[in-house]
Amino acid sequence: MAESATGKAQRPADGSPSARAGRRPPGYIRLMPHSRWRLFIAGSMMLAGCHTTRPGTPPPRTVAAALRLHVHDRIAAVPGAFVGVYYRNLGRPNDTLTVNADTSFHAASTMKIAVMIQLFRAVDAGTVSLDQPVTLENRFRSIVDGSPYTLDPKDDSDSGLYAKVGQPVTVRELLDRMIQRSSNLATNTVIDLVGAARADSTAHALGATRMRVLRGVEDDKAFAQGLNNTVTARDLAALLAAIEDHHAAASADCTLMRQILLGQEFNTEIPAGLPPGTPVAHKTGSIRGILHDAAIVYPHTSPPYILVVLTRGINDEHVAQHLIADISRIVYNSAIGSL
């Protein structure tokens, strides 16, 4: 299958507390131990009054710096890894982190979010119904020259759907399988219904301006010519925000899209770094050397947030999974004020 194809740790600035340690300011006077202790307490009380954050929560700049440092350190621990990250807390707009957020990656199956949104827009327009039966075929056409190609069940994470080839399958079943099991057969069938170009245009209109949805999955001729679906971390965050904010499609459709994403069956990346039972509406994507996850996370004790982690250059999938899970854990701890 043809498609189955650092940041550095930041150091304290010269004006940081660790850099100042050991320096004596102008006018320094050696104090007796008792007087020094009293001065220390007074200074500490003055500093404590400088911030208005909740008890146990560091000042915003400290939180942002710690988050960035921890994420960069974790990425740097994987030689050869190139990682894109976009994080935004939906309850605290200034609580964000971006790392290579505007760099394009092969989209793998994350582009299926854009296809899902376009499908619901077609439903809203009355051109498609979720109850509509579609005769399932394993035959598609390359965008290069229109030549036919088929999908191999062994390369599909949802091989069970191939047993239904030649039978009618509802659009709703195709949609669920496309997102929750990442079915390539379902994806290409849905793309034939709604059109890759329309999904691409809709994604751009929703703020995913660098995203490219050109074709279905496993079009080897297109892959050989570099005609690939691509995406940035910021693009996927824009699509997830549009779903969460109910402007990707009709409000009821956005609610249903979120429910479908919450039913994702592959949970070894972002969800693996979270406390058990934390709701996560997300879509993964992978091909050889590439692993992604794009999620809306719903902590039980703090506002929801969007986290997208895209990776390439990691040949061992388990290493990539652990990296994404660790970044997820770091971000979660920062979001709830425990970093």
C-alpha atoms as a PDB file:
ATOM      1  CA  MET A   1       0.000   0.000   0.000  1.00  0.00           C
ATOM      2  CA  ALA A   2       1.705   3.122  -1.258  1.00  0.00           C
ATOM      3  CA  GLU A   3       0.209   5.529   1.252  1.00  0.00           C
ATOM      4  CA  SER A   4       1.048   3.347   4.190  1.00  0.00           C
ATOM      5  CA  ALA A   5       4.009   5.239   3.554  1.00  0.00           C
ATOM      6  CA  THR A   6      12.385  19.828  17.537  1.00  0.00           C
ATOM      7  CA  GLY A   7      11.640  21.809  19.529  1.00  0.00           C
ATOM      8  CA  LYS A   8      14.445  22.583  22.033  1.00  0.00           C
ATOM      9  CA  ALA A   9      13.935  22.964  25.746  1.00  0.00           C
ATOM     10  CA  GLN A  10      13.712  26.606  26.724  1.00  0.00           C
ATOM     11  CA  ARG A  11      16.157  27.885  29.351  1.00  0.00           C
ATOM     12  CA  PRO A  12      15.449  30.605  31.928  1.00  0.00           C
ATOM     13  CA  ALA A  13      15.974  34.124  30.593  1.00  0.00           C
ATOM     14  CA  ASP A  14      18.583  36.323  32.229  1.00  0.00           C
ATOM     15  CA  GLY A  15      15.900  38.077  34.264  1.00  0.00           C
ATOM     16  CA  SER A  16      14.279  34.873  35.540  1.00  0.00           C
ATOM     17  CA  PRO A  17      14.427  33.887  39.213  1.00  0.00           C
ATOM     18  CA  SER A  18      16.888  31.056  38.552  1.00  0.00           C
ATOM     19  CA  ALA A  19      19.211  33.395  36.672  1.00  0.00           C
ATOM     20  CA  ARG A  20      19.046  35.983  39.428  1.00  0.00           C
ATOM     21  CA  ALA A  21      19.931  33.508  42.165  1.00  0.00           C
ATOM     22  CA  GLY A  22      23.275  34.403  43.687  1.00  0.00           C
ATOM     23  CA  ARG A  23      23.277  38.057  42.578  1.00  0.00           C
ATOM     24  CA  ARG A  24      23.300  40.849  45.144  1.00  0.00           C
ATOM     25  CA  PRO A  25      21.206  43.869  44.163  1.00  0.00           C
ATOM     26  CA  PRO A  26      22.527  47.421  44.622  1.00  0.00           C
ATOM     27  CA  GLY A  27      22.334  48.539  48.236  1.00  0.00           C
ATOM     28  CA  TYR A  28      22.495  45.003  49.597  1.00  0.00           C
ATOM     29  CA  ILE A  29      23.161  44.904  53.346  1.00  0.00           C
ATOM     30  CA  ARG A  30      24.039  41.721  55.227  1.00  0.00           C
ATOM     31  CA  LEU A  31      21.255  41.106  57.696  1.00  0.00           C
ATOM     32  CA  MET A  32      21.185  39.238  60.953  1.00  0.00           C
ATOM     33  CA  PRO A  33      19.344  35.910  60.503  1.00  0.00           C
ATOM     34  CA  HIS A  34      16.224  37.097  62.345  1.00  0.00           C
ATOM     35  CA  SER A  35      15.962  40.317  60.338  1.00  0.00           C
ATOM     36  CA  ARG A  36      16.610  38.450  57.087  1.00  0.00           C
ATOM     37  CA  TRP A  37      13.802  36.020  57.843  1.00  0.00           C
ATOM     38  CA  ARG A  38      11.364  38.847  58.581  1.00  0.00           C
ATOM     39  CA  LEU A  39      12.276  40.546  55.303  1.00  0.00           C
ATOM     40  CA  PHE A  40      11.790  37.296  53.403  1.00  0.00           C
ATOM     41  CA  ILE A  41       8.302  36.829  54.856  1.00  0.00           C
ATOM     42  CA  ALA A  42       7.313  40.422  54.088  1.00  0.00           C
ATOM     43  CA  GLY A  43       8.558  40.127  50.519  1.00  0.00           C
ATOM     44  CA  SER A  44       6.721  36.846  50.045  1.00  0.00           C
ATOM     45  CA  MET A  45       3.478  38.379  51.247  1.00  0.00           C
ATOM     46  CA  MET A  46       3.879  41.301  48.862  1.00  0.00           C
ATOM     47  CA  LEU A  47       4.511  38.948  45.951  1.00  0.00           C
ATOM     48  CA  ALA A  48       1.529  36.798  46.884  1.00  0.00           C
ATOM     49  CA  GLY A  49      -0.706  39.850  46.515  1.00  0.00           C
ATOM     50  CA  CYS A  50       0.477  40.615  43.002  1.00  0.00           C
ATOM     51  CA  HIS A  51      -1.677  37.930  41.338  1.00  0.00           C
ATOM     52  CA  THR A  52      -5.416  37.340  41.350  1.00  0.00           C
ATOM     53  CA  THR A  53      -5.442  33.736  40.114  1.00  0.00           C
ATOM     54  CA  ARG A  54      -7.294  31.044  42.063  1.00  0.00           C
ATOM     55  CA  PRO A  55      -5.424  29.251  44.849  1.00  0.00           C
ATOM     56  CA  GLY A  56      -3.196  26.548  43.415  1.00  0.00           C
ATOM     57  CA  THR A  57      -3.137  28.107  39.952  1.00  0.00           C
ATOM     58  CA  PRO A  58       0.149  29.723  38.829  1.00  0.00           C
ATOM     59  CA  PRO A  59       0.053  33.136  37.114  1.00  0.00           C
ATOM     60  CA  PRO A  60      -0.969  32.853  33.422  1.00  0.00           C
ATOM     61  CA  ARG A  61       2.501  33.624  32.075  1.00  0.00           C
ATOM     62  CA  THR A  62       4.002  30.954  34.297  1.00  0.00           C
ATOM     63  CA  VAL A  63       1.423  28.404  33.136  1.00  0.00           C
ATOM     64  CA  ALA A  64       2.040  29.205  29.472  1.00  0.00           C
ATOM     65  CA  ALA A  65       5.814  29.035  29.849  1.00  0.00           C
ATOM     66  CA  ALA A  66       5.664  25.772  31.778  1.00  0.00           C
ATOM     67  CA  LEU A  67       3.313  24.227  29.235  1.00  0.00           C
ATOM     68  CA  ARG A  68       5.508  25.200  26.313  1.00  0.00           C
ATOM     69  CA  LEU A  69       8.650  23.984  28.043  1.00  0.00           C
ATOM     70  CA  HIS A  70       7.175  20.605  28.954  1.00  0.00           C
ATOM     71  CA  VAL A  71       5.772  20.022  25.458  1.00  0.00           C
ATOM     72  CA  HIS A  72       9.002  21.047  23.745  1.00  0.00           C
ATOM     73  CA  ASP A  73      11.037  18.826  26.042  1.00  0.00           C
ATOM     74  CA  ARG A  74       8.806  15.837  25.329  1.00  0.00           C
ATOM     75  CA  ILE A  75       9.019  16.346  21.558  1.00  0.00           C
ATOM     76  CA  ALA A  76      12.785  16.753  21.724  1.00  0.00           C
ATOM     77  CA  ALA A  77      13.033  13.364  23.441  1.00  0.00           C
ATOM     78  CA  VAL A  78      12.081  11.619  20.159  1.00  0.00           C
ATOM     79  CA  PRO A  79      14.933  11.893  17.633  1.00  0.00           C
ATOM     80  CA  GLY A  80      13.768  12.789  14.134  1.00  0.00           C
ATOM     81  CA  ALA A  81      10.204  13.605  15.169  1.00  0.00           C
ATOM     82  CA  PHE A  82       8.476  16.591  13.621  1.00  0.00           C
ATOM     83  CA  VAL A  83       5.342  17.570  15.504  1.00  0.00           C
ATOM     84  CA  GLY A  84       2.556  20.091  15.029  1.00  0.00           C
ATOM     85  CA  VAL A  85       0.469  21.085  18.039  1.00  0.00           C
ATOM     86  CA  TYR A  86      -2.516  23.350  18.467  1.00  0.00           C
ATOM     87  CA  TYR A  87      -4.134  23.784  21.873  1.00  0.00           C
ATOM     88  CA  ARG A  88      -6.881  26.225  22.856  1.00  0.00           C
ATOM     89  CA  ASN A  89      -8.926  26.270  26.029  1.00  0.00           C
ATOM     90  CA  LEU A  90     -12.517  27.079  25.084  1.00  0.00           C
ATOM     91  CA  GLY A  91     -13.235  28.641  28.474  1.00  0.00           C
ATOM     92  CA  ARG A  92     -10.051  30.719  28.635  1.00  0.00           C
ATOM     93  CA  PRO A  93      -9.314  32.151  25.159  1.00  0.00           C
ATOM     94  CA  ASN A  94      -5.812  33.306  26.115  1.00  0.00           C
ATOM     95  CA  ASP A  95      -4.834  29.818  27.263  1.00  0.00           C
ATOM     96  CA  THR A  96      -3.245  28.533  24.050  1.00  0.00           C
ATOM     97  CA  LEU A  97      -0.187  26.749  22.697  1.00  0.00           C
ATOM     98  CA  THR A  98       1.008  26.390  19.119  1.00  0.00           C
ATOM     99  CA  VAL A  99       3.979  24.407  17.846  1.00  0.00           C
ATOM    100  CA  ASN A 100       4.404  24.258  14.051  1.00  0.00           C
ATOM    101  CA  ALA A 101       0.643  24.829  13.941  1.00  0.00           C
ATOM    102  CA  ASP A 102       0.688  26.167  10.364  1.00  0.00           C
ATOM    103  CA  THR A 103       2.940  23.485   8.880  1.00  0.00           C
ATOM    104  CA  SER A 104       1.210  21.108   6.464  1.00  0.00           C
ATOM    105  CA  PHE A 105       1.186  17.358   7.068  1.00  0.00           C
ATOM    106  CA  HIS A 106      -0.267  14.495   5.053  1.00  0.00           C
ATOM    107  CA  ALA A 107      -3.788  14.497   6.447  1.00  0.00           C
ATOM    108  CA  ALA A 108      -4.245  10.722   6.567  1.00  0.00           C
ATOM    109  CA  SER A 109      -7.724   9.998   7.949  1.00  0.00           C
ATOM    110  CA  THR A 110      -8.139  13.321   9.755  1.00  0.00           C
ATOM    111  CA  MET A 111      -9.531  14.753   6.518  1.00  0.00           C
ATOM    112  CA  LYS A 112     -12.628  12.654   7.202  1.00  0.00           C
ATOM    113  CA  ILE A 113     -13.768  15.410   9.585  1.00  0.00           C
ATOM    114  CA  ALA A 114     -14.119  17.754   6.611  1.00  0.00           C
ATOM    115  CA  VAL A 115     -15.951  15.059   4.642  1.00  0.00           C
ATOM    116  CA  MET A 116     -18.358  14.535   7.556  1.00  0.00           C
ATOM    117  CA  ILE A 117     -19.113  18.257   7.762  1.00  0.00           C
ATOM    118  CA  GLN A 118     -19.791  18.407   4.025  1.00  0.00           C
ATOM    119  CA  LEU A 119     -22.100  15.409   4.281  1.00  0.00           C
ATOM    120  CA  PHE A 120     -24.212  17.158   6.895  1.00  0.00           C
ATOM    121  CA  ARG A 121     -24.328  20.287   4.768  1.00  0.00           C
ATOM    122  CA  ALA A 122     -25.655  18.134   1.935  1.00  0.00           C
ATOM    123  CA  VAL A 123     -28.252  16.740   4.343  1.00  0.00           C
ATOM    124  CA  ASP A 124     -29.230  20.304   5.286  1.00  0.00           C
ATOM    125  CA  ALA A 125     -29.532  21.161   1.587  1.00  0.00           C
ATOM    126  CA  GLY A 126     -31.797  18.166   1.009  1.00  0.00           C
ATOM    127  CA  THR A 127     -29.532  16.501  -1.560  1.00  0.00           C
ATOM    128  CA  VAL A 128     -28.672  13.562   0.729  1.00  0.00           C
ATOM    129  CA  SER A 129     -30.527  11.781   3.526  1.00  0.00           C
ATOM    130  CA  LEU A 130     -28.886   9.877   6.364  1.00  0.00           C
ATOM    131  CA  ASP A 131     -31.498   7.135   5.861  1.00  0.00           C
ATOM    132  CA  GLN A 132     -30.749   6.958   2.138  1.00  0.00           C
ATOM    133  CA  PRO A 133     -29.549   3.519   1.015  1.00  0.00           C
ATOM    134  CA  VAL A 134     -26.447   3.346  -1.159  1.00  0.00           C
ATOM    135  CA  THR A 135     -25.380   0.236  -3.023  1.00  0.00           C
ATOM    136  CA  LEU A 136     -21.879  -0.419  -1.747  1.00  0.00           C
ATOM    137  CA  GLU A 137     -19.201  -0.855  -4.412  1.00  0.00           C
ATOM    138  CA  ASN A 138     -15.474  -1.315  -4.126  1.00  0.00           C
ATOM    139  CA  ARG A 139     -14.574   0.552  -7.269  1.00  0.00           C
ATOM    140  CA  PHE A 140     -13.359   4.133  -7.463  1.00  0.00           C
ATOM    141  CA  ARG A 141     -11.616   6.380  -9.982  1.00  0.00           C
ATOM    142  CA  SER A 142      -8.231   8.039  -9.713  1.00  0.00           C
ATOM    143  CA  ILE A 143      -8.173  11.821  -9.836  1.00  0.00           C
ATOM    144  CA  VAL A 144      -5.122  11.551 -12.112  1.00  0.00           C
ATOM    145  CA  ASP A 145      -6.671   9.901 -15.171  1.00  0.00           C
ATOM    146  CA  GLY A 146     -10.019   8.471 -14.142  1.00  0.00           C
ATOM    147  CA  SER A 147      -8.697   4.919 -14.144  1.00  0.00           C
ATOM    148  CA  PRO A 148     -10.448   2.524 -11.733  1.00  0.00           C
ATOM    149  CA  TYR A 149      -8.920   1.213  -8.534  1.00  0.00           C
ATOM    150  CA  THR A 150     -10.132  -0.881  -5.623  1.00  0.00           C
ATOM    151  CA  LEU A 151      -9.379  -0.959  -1.915  1.00  0.00           C
ATOM    152  CA  ASP A 152      -7.718  -3.888  -0.152  1.00  0.00           C
ATOM    153  CA  PRO A 153      -9.599  -5.007   2.996  1.00  0.00           C
ATOM    154  CA  LYS A 154      -6.249  -5.901   4.607  1.00  0.00           C
ATOM    155  CA  ASP A 155      -5.272  -2.223   4.492  1.00  0.00           C
ATOM    156  CA  ASP A 156      -8.554  -1.036   5.998  1.00  0.00           C
ATOM    157  CA  SER A 157      -9.174  -0.703   9.736  1.00  0.00           C
ATOM    158  CA  ASP A 158     -12.808  -1.701   9.097  1.00  0.00           C
ATOM    159  CA  SER A 159     -12.465  -4.817   6.958  1.00  0.00           C
ATOM    160  CA  GLY A 160     -15.905  -6.067   8.002  1.00  0.00           C
ATOM    161  CA  LEU A 161     -17.678  -3.579   5.736  1.00  0.00           C
ATOM    162  CA  TYR A 162     -16.374  -5.368   2.640  1.00  0.00           C
ATOM    163  CA  ALA A 163     -18.772  -8.225   3.355  1.00  0.00           C
ATOM    164  CA  LYS A 164     -21.576  -5.827   2.388  1.00  0.00           C
ATOM    165  CA  VAL A 165     -20.237  -4.972  -1.084  1.00  0.00           C
ATOM    166  CA  GLY A 166     -23.112  -5.216  -3.550  1.00  0.00           C
ATOM    167  CA  GLN A 167     -25.684  -4.610  -0.809  1.00  0.00           C
ATOM    168  CA  PRO A 168     -27.525  -1.413   0.171  1.00  0.00           C
ATOM    169  CA  VAL A 169     -26.016   0.419   3.137  1.00  0.00           C
ATOM    170  CA  THR A 170     -27.470   3.571   4.685  1.00  0.00           C
ATOM    171  CA  VAL A 171     -25.555   6.828   4.585  1.00  0.00           C
ATOM    172  CA  ARG A 172     -25.746   6.934   8.403  1.00  0.00           C
ATOM    173  CA  GLU A 173     -23.925   3.603   8.663  1.00  0.00           C
ATOM    174  CA  LEU A 174     -21.277   4.787   6.228  1.00  0.00           C
ATOM    175  CA  LEU A 175     -20.838   7.969   8.251  1.00  0.00           C
ATOM    176  CA  ASP A 176     -20.438   6.137  11.554  1.00  0.00           C
ATOM    177  CA  ARG A 177     -17.932   3.690  10.081  1.00  0.00           C
ATOM    178  CA  MET A 178     -15.982   6.488   8.356  1.00  0.00           C
ATOM    179  CA  ILE A 179     -15.398   8.318  11.652  1.00  0.00           C
ATOM    180  CA  GLN A 180     -15.550   5.745  14.419  1.00  0.00           C
ATOM    181  CA  ARG A 181     -13.745   2.895  12.652  1.00  0.00           C
ATOM    182  CA  SER A 182     -11.972   5.034  10.043  1.00  0.00           C
ATOM    183  CA  SER A 183     -13.340   2.870   7.225  1.00  0.00           C
ATOM    184  CA  ASN A 184     -11.668   3.717   3.924  1.00  0.00           C
ATOM    185  CA  LEU A 185     -14.408   2.009   1.942  1.00  0.00           C
ATOM    186  CA  ALA A 186     -17.070   4.083   3.684  1.00  0.00           C
ATOM    187  CA  THR A 187     -14.992   7.230   3.211  1.00  0.00           C
ATOM    188  CA  ASN A 188     -14.569   6.843  -0.531  1.00  0.00           C
ATOM    189  CA  THR A 189     -18.263   6.053  -0.892  1.00  0.00           C
ATOM    190  CA  VAL A 190     -19.239   9.204   1.020  1.00  0.00           C
ATOM    191  CA  ILE A 191     -16.771  11.303  -0.983  1.00  0.00           C
ATOM    192  CA  ASP A 192     -18.414  10.037  -4.173  1.00  0.00           C
ATOM    193  CA  LEU A 193     -21.722  11.300  -2.738  1.00  0.00           C
ATOM    194  CA  VAL A 194     -20.654  14.781  -1.627  1.00  0.00           C
ATOM    195  CA  GLY A 195     -17.524  15.563  -3.686  1.00  0.00           C
ATOM    196  CA  ALA A 196     -13.984  16.174  -2.451  1.00  0.00           C
ATOM    197  CA  ALA A 197     -13.952  19.678  -3.943  1.00  0.00           C
ATOM    198  CA  ARG A 198     -17.052  20.658  -1.940  1.00  0.00           C
ATOM    199  CA  ALA A 199     -15.535  19.310   1.268  1.00  0.00           C
ATOM    200  CA  ASP A 200     -12.382  21.296   0.527  1.00  0.00           C
ATOM    201  CA  SER A 201     -14.340  24.507  -0.097  1.00  0.00           C
ATOM    202  CA  THR A 202     -16.389  24.088   3.070  1.00  0.00           C
ATOM    203  CA  ALA A 203     -13.258  23.494   5.134  1.00  0.00           C
ATOM    204  CA  HIS A 204     -11.745  26.729   3.833  1.00  0.00           C
ATOM    205  CA  ALA A 205     -14.935  28.644   4.612  1.00  0.00           C
ATOM    206  CA  LEU A 206     -14.760  27.405   8.211  1.00  0.00           C
ATOM    207  CA  GLY A 207     -11.211  28.671   8.660  1.00  0.00           C
ATOM    208  CA  ALA A 208      -9.201  25.610   7.639  1.00  0.00           C
ATOM    209  CA  THR A 209      -7.554  27.680   4.913  1.00  0.00           C
ATOM    210  CA  ARG A 210      -4.463  25.544   4.385  1.00  0.00           C
ATOM    211  CA  MET A 211      -6.325  22.247   4.284  1.00  0.00           C
ATOM    212  CA  ARG A 212      -6.509  20.359   0.995  1.00  0.00           C
ATOM    213  CA  VAL A 213      -9.137  17.683   0.379  1.00  0.00           C
ATOM    214  CA  LEU A 214      -8.347  16.436  -3.101  1.00  0.00           C
ATOM    215  CA  ARG A 215      -9.412  12.823  -3.227  1.00  0.00           C
ATOM    216  CA  GLY A 216     -10.440   9.590  -1.577  1.00  0.00           C
ATOM    217  CA  VAL A 217      -8.165   7.087   0.118  1.00  0.00           C
ATOM    218  CA  GLU A 218      -5.619   4.769  -1.552  1.00  0.00           C
ATOM    219  CA  ASP A 219      -5.512   6.514  -4.925  1.00  0.00           C
ATOM    220  CA  ASP A 220      -1.984   5.272  -5.625  1.00  0.00           C
ATOM    221  CA  LYS A 221      -1.546   7.190  -8.884  1.00  0.00           C
ATOM    222  CA  ALA A 222      -2.370  10.445  -7.137  1.00  0.00           C
ATOM    223  CA  PHE A 223      -0.088   9.566  -4.238  1.00  0.00           C
ATOM    224  CA  ALA A 224       2.790   8.916  -6.645  1.00  0.00           C
ATOM    225  CA  GLN A 225       2.314  12.381  -8.123  1.00  0.00           C
ATOM    226  CA  GLY A 226       2.155  14.093  -4.755  1.00  0.00           C
ATOM    227  CA  LEU A 227      -1.573  14.808  -5.023  1.00  0.00           C
ATOM    228  CA  ASN A 228      -2.365  14.256  -1.364  1.00  0.00           C
ATOM    229  CA  ASN A 229      -4.842  15.493   1.185  1.00  0.00           C
ATOM    230  CA  THR A 230      -2.970  17.808   3.550  1.00  0.00           C
ATOM    231  CA  VAL A 231      -3.762  19.646   6.759  1.00  0.00           C
ATOM    232  CA  THR A 232      -2.277  21.749   9.545  1.00  0.00           C
ATOM    233  CA  ALA A 233      -2.927  21.502  13.264  1.00  0.00           C
ATOM    234  CA  ARG A 234      -4.636  24.904  13.139  1.00  0.00           C
ATOM    235  CA  ASP A 235      -6.903  23.716  10.295  1.00  0.00           C
ATOM    236  CA  LEU A 236      -8.206  20.738  12.239  1.00  0.00           C
ATOM    237  CA  ALA A 237      -8.707  22.915  15.305  1.00  0.00           C
ATOM    238  CA  ALA A 238     -10.828  25.293  13.210  1.00  0.00           C
ATOM    239  CA  LEU A 239     -13.073  22.442  12.058  1.00  0.00           C
ATOM    240  CA  LEU A 240     -13.500  21.078  15.577  1.00  0.00           C
ATOM    241  CA  ALA A 241     -14.257  24.555  16.904  1.00  0.00           C
ATOM    242  CA  ALA A 242     -16.895  24.999  14.197  1.00  0.00           C
ATOM    243  CA  ILE A 243     -18.557  21.769  15.316  1.00  0.00           C
ATOM    244  CA  GLU A 244     -18.361  22.674  19.013  1.00  0.00           C
ATOM    245  CA  ASP A 245     -19.653  26.209  18.332  1.00  0.00           C
ATOM    246  CA  HIS A 246     -22.518  24.847  16.176  1.00  0.00           C
ATOM    247  CA  HIS A 247     -21.696  26.732  12.994  1.00  0.00           C
ATOM    248  CA  ALA A 248     -20.187  23.907  10.926  1.00  0.00           C
ATOM    249  CA  ALA A 249     -23.735  22.989   9.873  1.00  0.00           C
ATOM    250  CA  ALA A 250     -27.201  23.150  11.452  1.00  0.00           C
ATOM    251  CA  SER A 251     -27.106  23.082  15.245  1.00  0.00           C
ATOM    252  CA  ALA A 252     -28.708  19.632  15.512  1.00  0.00           C
ATOM    253  CA  ASP A 253     -26.213  18.317  12.965  1.00  0.00           C
ATOM    254  CA  CYS A 254     -23.295  19.659  14.988  1.00  0.00           C
ATOM    255  CA  THR A 255     -24.655  17.922  18.069  1.00  0.00           C
ATOM    256  CA  LEU A 256     -24.835  14.662  16.117  1.00  0.00           C
ATOM    257  CA  MET A 257     -21.318  15.149  14.710  1.00  0.00           C
ATOM    258  CA  ARG A 258     -19.976  15.577  18.221  1.00  0.00           C
ATOM    259  CA  GLN A 259     -21.760  12.403  19.345  1.00  0.00           C
ATOM    260  CA  ILE A 260     -20.232  10.495  16.447  1.00  0.00           C
ATOM    261  CA  LEU A 261     -16.751  11.793  17.307  1.00  0.00           C
ATOM    262  CA  LEU A 262     -17.311  10.819  20.947  1.00  0.00           C
ATOM    263  CA  GLY A 263     -17.873   7.251  19.719  1.00  0.00           C
ATOM    264  CA  GLN A 264     -14.373   6.961  18.231  1.00  0.00           C
ATOM    265  CA  GLU A 265     -13.097   3.393  18.668  1.00  0.00           C
ATOM    266  CA  PHE A 266      -9.353   4.119  18.383  1.00  0.00           C
ATOM    267  CA  ASN A 267      -8.239   5.711  21.627  1.00  0.00           C
ATOM    268  CA  THR A 268      -4.502   5.092  21.962  1.00  0.00           C
ATOM    269  CA  GLU A 269      -3.383   8.685  21.405  1.00  0.00           C
ATOM    270  CA  ILE A 270      -4.985  11.760  23.037  1.00  0.00           C
ATOM    271  CA  PRO A 271      -7.461   9.778  25.216  1.00  0.00           C
ATOM    272  CA  ALA A 272      -4.615   7.578  26.504  1.00  0.00           C
ATOM    273  CA  GLY A 273      -3.099  10.595  28.267  1.00  0.00           C
ATOM    274  CA  LEU A 274      -6.302  11.496  30.109  1.00  0.00           C
ATOM    275  CA  PRO A 275      -7.957  10.223  33.277  1.00  0.00           C
ATOM    276  CA  PRO A 276     -10.212   7.238  32.513  1.00  0.00           C
ATOM    277  CA  GLY A 277     -13.739   8.287  31.613  1.00  0.00           C
ATOM    278  CA  THR A 278     -12.810  11.735  30.289  1.00  0.00           C
ATOM    279  CA  PRO A 279     -15.074  12.391  27.255  1.00  0.00           C
ATOM    280  CA  VAL A 280     -13.109  12.988  24.051  1.00  0.00           C
ATOM    281  CA  ALA A 281     -14.655  13.807  20.655  1.00  0.00           C
ATOM    282  CA  HIS A 282     -11.848  13.043  18.235  1.00  0.00           C
ATOM    283  CA  LYS A 283     -10.556  11.657  14.958  1.00  0.00           C
ATOM    284  CA  THR A 284      -7.272   9.871  14.431  1.00  0.00           C
ATOM    285  CA  GLY A 285      -5.263   9.369  11.257  1.00  0.00           C
ATOM    286  CA  SER A 286      -2.249   7.297  10.326  1.00  0.00           C
ATOM    287  CA  ILE A 287      -0.149   6.065   7.448  1.00  0.00           C
ATOM    288  CA  ARG A 288       3.432   4.856   7.502  1.00  0.00           C
ATOM    289  CA  GLY A 289       5.570   7.245   9.563  1.00  0.00           C
ATOM    290  CA  ILE A 290       2.601   9.518  10.277  1.00  0.00           C
ATOM    291  CA  LEU A 291       0.217   9.531  13.238  1.00  0.00           C
ATOM    292  CA  HIS A 292      -2.322  12.214  14.169  1.00  0.00           C
ATOM    293  CA  ASP A 293      -5.120  12.897  16.609  1.00  0.00           C
ATOM    294  CA  ALA A 294      -7.494  15.879  16.690  1.00  0.00           C
ATOM    295  CA  ALA A 295      -9.807  16.240  19.656  1.00  0.00           C
ATOM    296  CA  ILE A 296     -12.234  18.213  21.752  1.00  0.00           C
ATOM    297  CA  VAL A 297     -11.549  17.199  25.368  1.00  0.00           C
ATOM    298  CA  TYR A 298     -14.192  17.622  28.086  1.00  0.00           C
ATOM    299  CA  PRO A 299     -12.549  17.563  31.550  1.00  0.00           C
ATOM    300  CA  HIS A 300     -15.004  16.984  34.366  1.00  0.00           C
ATOM    301  CA  THR A 301     -13.760  19.930  36.448  1.00  0.00           C
ATOM    302  CA  SER A 302     -12.744  22.588  33.927  1.00  0.00           C
ATOM    303  CA  PRO A 303     -13.803  24.003  30.541  1.00  0.00           C
ATOM    304  CA  PRO A 304     -13.414  21.936  27.369  1.00  0.00           C
ATOM    305  CA  TYR A 305     -10.437  22.455  25.118  1.00  0.00           C
ATOM    306  CA  ILE A 306      -9.251  21.611  21.626  1.00  0.00           C
ATOM    307  CA  LEU A 307      -6.019  19.701  21.170  1.00  0.00           C
ATOM    308  CA  VAL A 308      -4.529  18.644  17.843  1.00  0.00           C
ATOM    309  CA  VAL A 309      -1.246  16.733  17.628  1.00  0.00           C
ATOM    310  CA  LEU A 310       0.219  15.846  14.219  1.00  0.00           C
ATOM    311  CA  THR A 311       3.407  13.806  13.878  1.00  0.00           C
ATOM    312  CA  ARG A 312       5.736  12.615  11.163  1.00  0.00           C
ATOM    313  CA  GLY A 313       9.190  11.090  10.999  1.00  0.00           C
ATOM    314  CA  ILE A 314       8.479   8.456  13.679  1.00  0.00           C
ATOM    315  CA  ASN A 315       8.653   4.991  12.161  1.00  0.00           C
ATOM    316  CA  ASP A 316       7.631   3.135  15.320  1.00  0.00           C
ATOM    317  CA  GLU A 317       3.915   3.730  15.783  1.00  0.00           C
ATOM    318  CA  HIS A 318       4.087   2.877  19.485  1.00  0.00           C
ATOM    319  CA  VAL A 319       6.646   5.634  20.014  1.00  0.00           C
ATOM    320  CA  ALA A 320       4.351   8.089  18.228  1.00  0.00           C
ATOM    321  CA  GLN A 321       1.368   6.932  20.288  1.00  0.00           C
ATOM    322  CA  HIS A 322       3.238   7.458  23.541  1.00  0.00           C
ATOM    323  CA  LEU A 323       4.407  10.884  22.397  1.00  0.00           C
ATOM    324  CA  ILE A 324       0.873  12.046  21.601  1.00  0.00           C
ATOM    325  CA  ALA A 325      -0.480  10.557  24.836  1.00  0.00           C
ATOM    326  CA  ASP A 326       2.220  12.325  26.855  1.00  0.00           C
ATOM    327  CA  ILE A 327       1.525  15.664  25.168  1.00  0.00           C
ATOM    328  CA  SER A 328      -2.149  15.094  25.921  1.00  0.00           C
ATOM    329  CA  ARG A 329      -1.329  14.440  29.587  1.00  0.00           C
ATOM    330  CA  ILE A 330       0.807  17.579  29.835  1.00  0.00           C
ATOM    331  CA  VAL A 331      -1.905  19.738  28.269  1.00  0.00           C
ATOM    332  CA  TYR A 332      -4.608  18.240  30.465  1.00  0.00           C
ATOM    333  CA  ASN A 333      -2.619  18.926  33.631  1.00  0.00           C
ATOM    334  CA  SER A 334      -2.070  22.491  32.487  1.00  0.00           C
ATOM    335  CA  ALA A 335      -5.756  22.947  31.651  1.00  0.00           C
ATOM    336  CA  ILE A 336      -6.894  21.855  35.111  1.00  0.00           C
ATOM    337  CA  GLY A 337      -4.160  23.855  36.874  1.00  0.00           C
ATOM    338  CA  SER A 338      -1.992  20.932  37.977  1.00  0.00           C
ATOM    339  CA  LEU A 339       1.108  21.371  35.807  1.00  0.00           C
END
